[in-house]
Amino acid sequence: MSDNVSETPDLVRLSEGEKNELIRHTRRTDLRRIIGGLFVIYGVLVTLMGIIDPAADTAKTGGIHINLWTGICMLIVGGLFFLWDRLAPVPAEDIVASAESVEIKKAEGEGKLD
């Protein structure tokens, strides 16, 4: 199978509106955003625990404010995931080609393509 658009059957070719919606949805649900969001949420919680009750963790860790430092590191990692998603989004051509190949396989399985 070739990635050439001219060889894609008209039966499975996506319209421009469908392509734009597919690209927007795929980029919105990128795994990097989900992981980054979880790191930020947990980072905020752990940082708040380190700020609110710093004596609880210093007694157990030999004087290190472990909740505060871990929370800050989690916030940085979450921010890096968001930055990575922003600077290197999934290419639109890959999203469209993947969706069209799935549609072609479905059509072949249903006997719509000969």
N, C-alpha and C. Protein backbone atom coordinates (compact mmCIF):
# COMPACT_ATOMS: atom_id res chain seq x y z
N MET A 1 0.85 -1.17 0.00
CA MET A 1 0.00 0.00 0.00
C MET A 1 0.89 1.23 0.00
N SER A 2 0.53 2.21 -0.75
CA SER A 2 1.31 3.44 -0.87
C SER A 2 0.62 4.55 -0.09
N ASP A 3 1.42 5.54 0.34
CA ASP A 3 0.86 6.68 1.05
C ASP A 3 0.37 7.75 0.10
N ASN A 4 0.41 7.49 -1.17
CA ASN A 4 -0.01 8.46 -2.18
C ASN A 4 -1.52 8.67 -2.10
N VAL A 5 -1.92 9.93 -1.97
CA VAL A 5 -3.34 10.25 -1.82
C VAL A 5 -4.13 9.88 -3.06
N SER A 6 -3.53 9.96 -4.23
CA SER A 6 -4.26 9.66 -5.45
C SER A 6 -4.65 8.18 -5.54
N GLU A 7 -3.97 7.31 -4.79
CA GLU A 7 -4.32 5.90 -4.80
C GLU A 7 -5.36 5.54 -3.74
N THR A 8 -5.72 6.49 -2.90
CA THR A 8 -6.73 6.23 -1.88
C THR A 8 -8.10 6.21 -2.54
N PRO A 9 -8.85 5.12 -2.34
CA PRO A 9 -10.18 5.06 -2.95
C PRO A 9 -11.08 6.18 -2.43
N ASP A 10 -11.96 6.68 -3.31
CA ASP A 10 -12.86 7.77 -2.92
C ASP A 10 -13.80 7.35 -1.80
N LEU A 11 -14.05 6.06 -1.68
CA LEU A 11 -14.96 5.56 -0.66
C LEU A 11 -14.43 5.82 0.74
N VAL A 12 -13.12 5.81 0.91
CA VAL A 12 -12.54 5.98 2.24
C VAL A 12 -11.79 7.29 2.42
N ARG A 13 -11.82 8.17 1.46
CA ARG A 13 -11.12 9.45 1.57
C ARG A 13 -11.90 10.36 2.52
N LEU A 14 -11.17 11.02 3.42
CA LEU A 14 -11.79 11.90 4.40
C LEU A 14 -11.94 13.31 3.82
N SER A 15 -13.02 13.99 4.19
CA SER A 15 -13.19 15.38 3.76
C SER A 15 -12.27 16.28 4.58
N GLU A 16 -12.11 17.52 4.14
CA GLU A 16 -11.24 18.46 4.85
C GLU A 16 -11.74 18.72 6.27
N GLY A 17 -13.06 18.82 6.44
CA GLY A 17 -13.63 19.03 7.76
C GLY A 17 -13.37 17.85 8.69
N GLU A 18 -13.51 16.64 8.15
CA GLU A 18 -13.23 15.45 8.95
C GLU A 18 -11.76 15.37 9.31
N LYS A 19 -10.88 15.74 8.37
CA LYS A 19 -9.45 15.73 8.65
C LYS A 19 -9.10 16.72 9.75
N ASN A 20 -9.64 17.93 9.67
CA ASN A 20 -9.35 18.94 10.68
C ASN A 20 -9.85 18.53 12.05
N GLU A 21 -11.05 17.96 12.11
CA GLU A 21 -11.61 17.49 13.39
C GLU A 21 -10.78 16.34 13.95
N LEU A 22 -10.36 15.43 13.10
CA LEU A 22 -9.54 14.30 13.52
C LEU A 22 -8.19 14.78 14.06
N ILE A 23 -7.58 15.72 13.38
CA ILE A 23 -6.29 16.26 13.83
C ILE A 23 -6.45 16.97 15.17
N ARG A 24 -7.47 17.78 15.30
CA ARG A 24 -7.72 18.50 16.56
C ARG A 24 -7.98 17.54 17.71
N HIS A 25 -8.79 16.52 17.47
CA HIS A 25 -9.10 15.55 18.52
C HIS A 25 -7.87 14.74 18.92
N THR A 26 -7.09 14.31 17.93
CA THR A 26 -5.91 13.51 18.22
C THR A 26 -4.89 14.31 19.00
N ARG A 27 -4.68 15.53 18.62
CA ARG A 27 -3.71 16.36 19.35
C ARG A 27 -4.21 16.73 20.74
N ARG A 28 -5.52 16.87 20.89
CA ARG A 28 -6.09 17.21 22.20
C ARG A 28 -5.94 16.06 23.18
N THR A 29 -6.00 14.84 22.69
CA THR A 29 -5.92 13.66 23.56
C THR A 29 -4.55 12.99 23.50
N ASP A 30 -3.52 13.76 23.14
CA ASP A 30 -2.16 13.23 23.08
C ASP A 30 -1.75 12.76 24.48
N LEU A 31 -1.08 11.64 24.53
CA LEU A 31 -0.69 11.05 25.81
C LEU A 31 0.25 11.96 26.60
N ARG A 32 1.03 12.76 25.91
CA ARG A 32 1.94 13.68 26.60
C ARG A 32 1.16 14.70 27.41
N ARG A 33 0.00 15.12 26.93
CA ARG A 33 -0.82 16.07 27.69
C ARG A 33 -1.42 15.40 28.93
N ILE A 34 -1.85 14.18 28.78
CA ILE A 34 -2.45 13.47 29.91
C ILE A 34 -1.41 13.23 31.00
N ILE A 35 -0.24 12.74 30.61
CA ILE A 35 0.83 12.50 31.59
C ILE A 35 1.29 13.81 32.21
N GLY A 36 1.46 14.85 31.40
CA GLY A 36 1.86 16.15 31.93
C GLY A 36 0.84 16.70 32.91
N GLY A 37 -0.44 16.53 32.59
CA GLY A 37 -1.49 16.99 33.50
C GLY A 37 -1.46 16.26 34.83
N LEU A 38 -1.24 14.95 34.79
CA LEU A 38 -1.15 14.19 36.04
C LEU A 38 0.05 14.62 36.88
N PHE A 39 1.18 14.84 36.22
CA PHE A 39 2.36 15.32 36.95
C PHE A 39 2.09 16.68 37.59
N VAL A 40 1.42 17.57 36.88
CA VAL A 40 1.14 18.89 37.43
C VAL A 40 0.18 18.79 38.61
N ILE A 41 -0.87 17.99 38.48
CA ILE A 41 -1.84 17.85 39.57
C ILE A 41 -1.18 17.28 40.82
N TYR A 42 -0.45 16.17 40.65
CA TYR A 42 0.22 15.57 41.81
C TYR A 42 1.34 16.48 42.32
N GLY A 43 2.00 17.19 41.42
CA GLY A 43 3.04 18.12 41.86
C GLY A 43 2.49 19.24 42.73
N VAL A 44 1.33 19.76 42.36
CA VAL A 44 0.69 20.80 43.18
C VAL A 44 0.32 20.23 44.55
N LEU A 45 -0.26 19.04 44.58
CA LEU A 45 -0.64 18.44 45.86
C LEU A 45 0.56 18.17 46.76
N VAL A 46 1.61 17.60 46.20
CA VAL A 46 2.79 17.27 47.00
C VAL A 46 3.50 18.55 47.45
N THR A 47 3.56 19.55 46.57
CA THR A 47 4.18 20.83 46.95
C THR A 47 3.40 21.49 48.08
N LEU A 48 2.09 21.47 47.98
CA LEU A 48 1.27 22.03 49.07
C LEU A 48 1.49 21.30 50.38
N MET A 49 1.61 19.99 50.32
CA MET A 49 1.89 19.22 51.55
C MET A 49 3.25 19.61 52.12
N GLY A 50 4.22 19.87 51.27
CA GLY A 50 5.54 20.30 51.74
C GLY A 50 5.53 21.69 52.33
N ILE A 51 4.65 22.55 51.83
CA ILE A 51 4.57 23.92 52.35
C ILE A 51 3.74 23.97 53.63
N ILE A 52 2.63 23.23 53.66
CA ILE A 52 1.72 23.28 54.80
C ILE A 52 2.31 22.63 56.04
N ASP A 53 2.92 21.45 55.88
CA ASP A 53 3.44 20.72 57.03
C ASP A 53 4.88 20.28 56.77
N PRO A 54 5.82 21.21 56.81
CA PRO A 54 7.21 20.85 56.47
C PRO A 54 7.90 20.00 57.54
N ALA A 55 7.43 20.06 58.77
CA ALA A 55 8.08 19.31 59.84
C ALA A 55 7.84 17.81 59.72
N ALA A 56 6.74 17.42 59.08
CA ALA A 56 6.41 16.00 58.99
C ALA A 56 7.41 15.23 58.14
N ASP A 57 7.86 15.80 57.05
CA ASP A 57 8.78 15.08 56.19
C ASP A 57 10.23 15.27 56.58
N THR A 58 10.58 16.38 57.21
CA THR A 58 11.98 16.59 57.58
C THR A 58 12.42 15.65 58.69
N ALA A 59 11.52 15.29 59.57
CA ALA A 59 11.88 14.37 60.65
C ALA A 59 12.19 12.98 60.11
N LYS A 60 11.53 12.59 59.06
CA LYS A 60 11.70 11.24 58.51
C LYS A 60 12.84 11.16 57.49
N THR A 61 13.26 12.30 56.94
CA THR A 61 14.24 12.28 55.85
C THR A 61 15.56 12.93 56.20
N GLY A 62 15.82 13.16 57.46
CA GLY A 62 17.10 13.71 57.87
C GLY A 62 17.27 15.17 57.55
N GLY A 63 16.23 15.95 57.64
CA GLY A 63 16.33 17.39 57.44
C GLY A 63 16.03 17.86 56.03
N ILE A 64 15.71 16.97 55.12
CA ILE A 64 15.40 17.36 53.74
C ILE A 64 13.89 17.56 53.62
N HIS A 65 13.47 18.63 53.00
CA HIS A 65 12.05 18.88 52.76
C HIS A 65 11.64 18.10 51.49
N ILE A 66 11.48 16.80 51.66
CA ILE A 66 11.30 15.91 50.51
C ILE A 66 10.00 16.17 49.75
N ASN A 67 8.92 16.47 50.46
CA ASN A 67 7.65 16.75 49.77
C ASN A 67 7.76 18.01 48.92
N LEU A 68 8.41 19.01 49.44
CA LEU A 68 8.55 20.26 48.70
C LEU A 68 9.41 20.05 47.46
N TRP A 69 10.56 19.40 47.61
CA TRP A 69 11.44 19.17 46.47
C TRP A 69 10.84 18.22 45.44
N THR A 70 10.17 17.18 45.91
CA THR A 70 9.54 16.24 44.98
C THR A 70 8.39 16.92 44.23
N GLY A 71 7.62 17.73 44.92
CA GLY A 71 6.53 18.46 44.28
C GLY A 71 7.03 19.43 43.22
N ILE A 72 8.09 20.13 43.52
CA ILE A 72 8.66 21.06 42.55
C ILE A 72 9.17 20.30 41.33
N CYS A 73 9.84 19.19 41.57
CA CYS A 73 10.34 18.37 40.45
C CYS A 73 9.19 17.84 39.59
N MET A 74 8.10 17.45 40.23
CA MET A 74 6.94 16.96 39.48
C MET A 74 6.32 18.08 38.64
N LEU A 75 6.28 19.28 39.19
CA LEU A 75 5.77 20.43 38.42
C LEU A 75 6.66 20.70 37.20
N ILE A 76 7.97 20.61 37.39
CA ILE A 76 8.89 20.82 36.27
C ILE A 76 8.71 19.76 35.21
N VAL A 77 8.60 18.49 35.62
CA VAL A 77 8.42 17.40 34.66
C VAL A 77 7.10 17.56 33.90
N GLY A 78 6.03 17.92 34.62
CA GLY A 78 4.75 18.16 33.95
C GLY A 78 4.84 19.29 32.95
N GLY A 79 5.54 20.35 33.32
CA GLY A 79 5.74 21.47 32.39
C GLY A 79 6.55 21.05 31.17
N LEU A 80 7.54 20.18 31.37
CA LEU A 80 8.35 19.71 30.25
C LEU A 80 7.51 18.84 29.30
N PHE A 81 6.59 18.05 29.85
CA PHE A 81 5.70 17.27 28.98
C PHE A 81 4.82 18.20 28.14
N PHE A 82 4.29 19.26 28.74
CA PHE A 82 3.47 20.21 27.99
C PHE A 82 4.30 20.94 26.94
N LEU A 83 5.52 21.30 27.30
CA LEU A 83 6.41 21.97 26.35
C LEU A 83 6.74 21.04 25.18
N TRP A 84 7.01 19.78 25.47
CA TRP A 84 7.30 18.80 24.42
C TRP A 84 6.11 18.67 23.47
N ASP A 85 4.91 18.60 24.04
CA ASP A 85 3.71 18.50 23.20
C ASP A 85 3.54 19.74 22.34
N ARG A 86 3.88 20.88 22.88
CA ARG A 86 3.70 22.14 22.15
C ARG A 86 4.74 22.31 21.04
N LEU A 87 5.98 21.92 21.32
CA LEU A 87 7.06 22.11 20.36
C LEU A 87 7.12 21.03 19.29
N ALA A 88 6.64 19.83 19.60
CA ALA A 88 6.69 18.73 18.62
C ALA A 88 5.35 18.01 18.57
N PRO A 89 4.31 18.66 18.03
CA PRO A 89 3.00 17.99 17.95
C PRO A 89 3.03 16.84 16.94
N VAL A 90 2.05 15.98 17.04
CA VAL A 90 1.94 14.88 16.10
C VAL A 90 1.68 15.46 14.71
N PRO A 91 2.47 15.07 13.71
CA PRO A 91 2.27 15.64 12.37
C PRO A 91 0.89 15.30 11.80
N ALA A 92 0.28 16.28 11.19
CA ALA A 92 -1.06 16.12 10.63
C ALA A 92 -1.08 15.02 9.57
N GLU A 93 0.00 14.91 8.78
CA GLU A 93 0.05 13.89 7.73
C GLU A 93 -0.01 12.49 8.32
N ASP A 94 0.67 12.29 9.46
CA ASP A 94 0.66 10.97 10.11
C ASP A 94 -0.73 10.62 10.62
N ILE A 95 -1.42 11.60 11.18
CA ILE A 95 -2.76 11.37 11.73
C ILE A 95 -3.72 10.99 10.60
N VAL A 96 -3.70 11.75 9.51
CA VAL A 96 -4.61 11.51 8.39
C VAL A 96 -4.28 10.18 7.71
N ALA A 97 -2.99 9.91 7.49
CA ALA A 97 -2.61 8.65 6.84
C ALA A 97 -3.01 7.45 7.67
N SER A 98 -2.85 7.54 8.98
CA SER A 98 -3.24 6.44 9.86
C SER A 98 -4.75 6.22 9.81
N ALA A 99 -5.53 7.30 9.86
CA ALA A 99 -6.98 7.17 9.82
C ALA A 99 -7.45 6.61 8.48
N GLU A 100 -6.84 7.06 7.38
CA GLU A 100 -7.24 6.55 6.07
C GLU A 100 -6.87 5.08 5.91
N SER A 101 -5.72 4.66 6.44
CA SER A 101 -5.35 3.25 6.32
C SER A 101 -6.30 2.37 7.14
N VAL A 102 -6.75 2.87 8.27
CA VAL A 102 -7.73 2.12 9.07
C VAL A 102 -9.04 2.00 8.29
N GLU A 103 -9.47 3.09 7.67
CA GLU A 103 -10.71 3.06 6.89
C GLU A 103 -10.59 2.12 5.69
N ILE A 104 -9.42 2.09 5.05
CA ILE A 104 -9.21 1.18 3.92
C ILE A 104 -9.29 -0.28 4.39
N LYS A 105 -8.66 -0.59 5.52
CA LYS A 105 -8.71 -1.95 6.05
C LYS A 105 -10.14 -2.35 6.41
N LYS A 106 -10.90 -1.41 6.98
CA LYS A 106 -12.30 -1.70 7.28
C LYS A 106 -13.09 -1.99 6.01
N ALA A 107 -12.88 -1.16 5.01
CA ALA A 107 -13.61 -1.33 3.74
C ALA A 107 -13.22 -2.64 3.07
N GLU A 108 -11.94 -3.01 3.12
CA GLU A 108 -11.52 -4.29 2.54
C GLU A 108 -12.14 -5.45 3.29
N GLY A 109 -12.22 -5.34 4.60
CA GLY A 109 -12.81 -6.41 5.42
C GLY A 109 -14.29 -6.57 5.17
N GLU A 110 -14.96 -5.48 4.85
CA GLU A 110 -16.41 -5.52 4.59
C GLU A 110 -16.71 -5.85 3.13
N GLY A 111 -15.69 -5.97 2.31
CA GLY A 111 -15.87 -6.31 0.89
C GLY A 111 -16.30 -5.14 0.03
N LYS A 112 -16.11 -3.92 0.49
CA LYS A 112 -16.52 -2.76 -0.28
C LYS A 112 -15.50 -2.39 -1.35
N LEU A 113 -14.26 -2.84 -1.16
CA LEU A 113 -13.20 -2.58 -2.14
C LEU A 113 -12.89 -3.87 -2.89
N ASP A 114 -12.72 -3.76 -4.18
CA ASP A 114 -12.38 -4.95 -4.95
C ASP A 114 -11.01 -4.83 -5.56
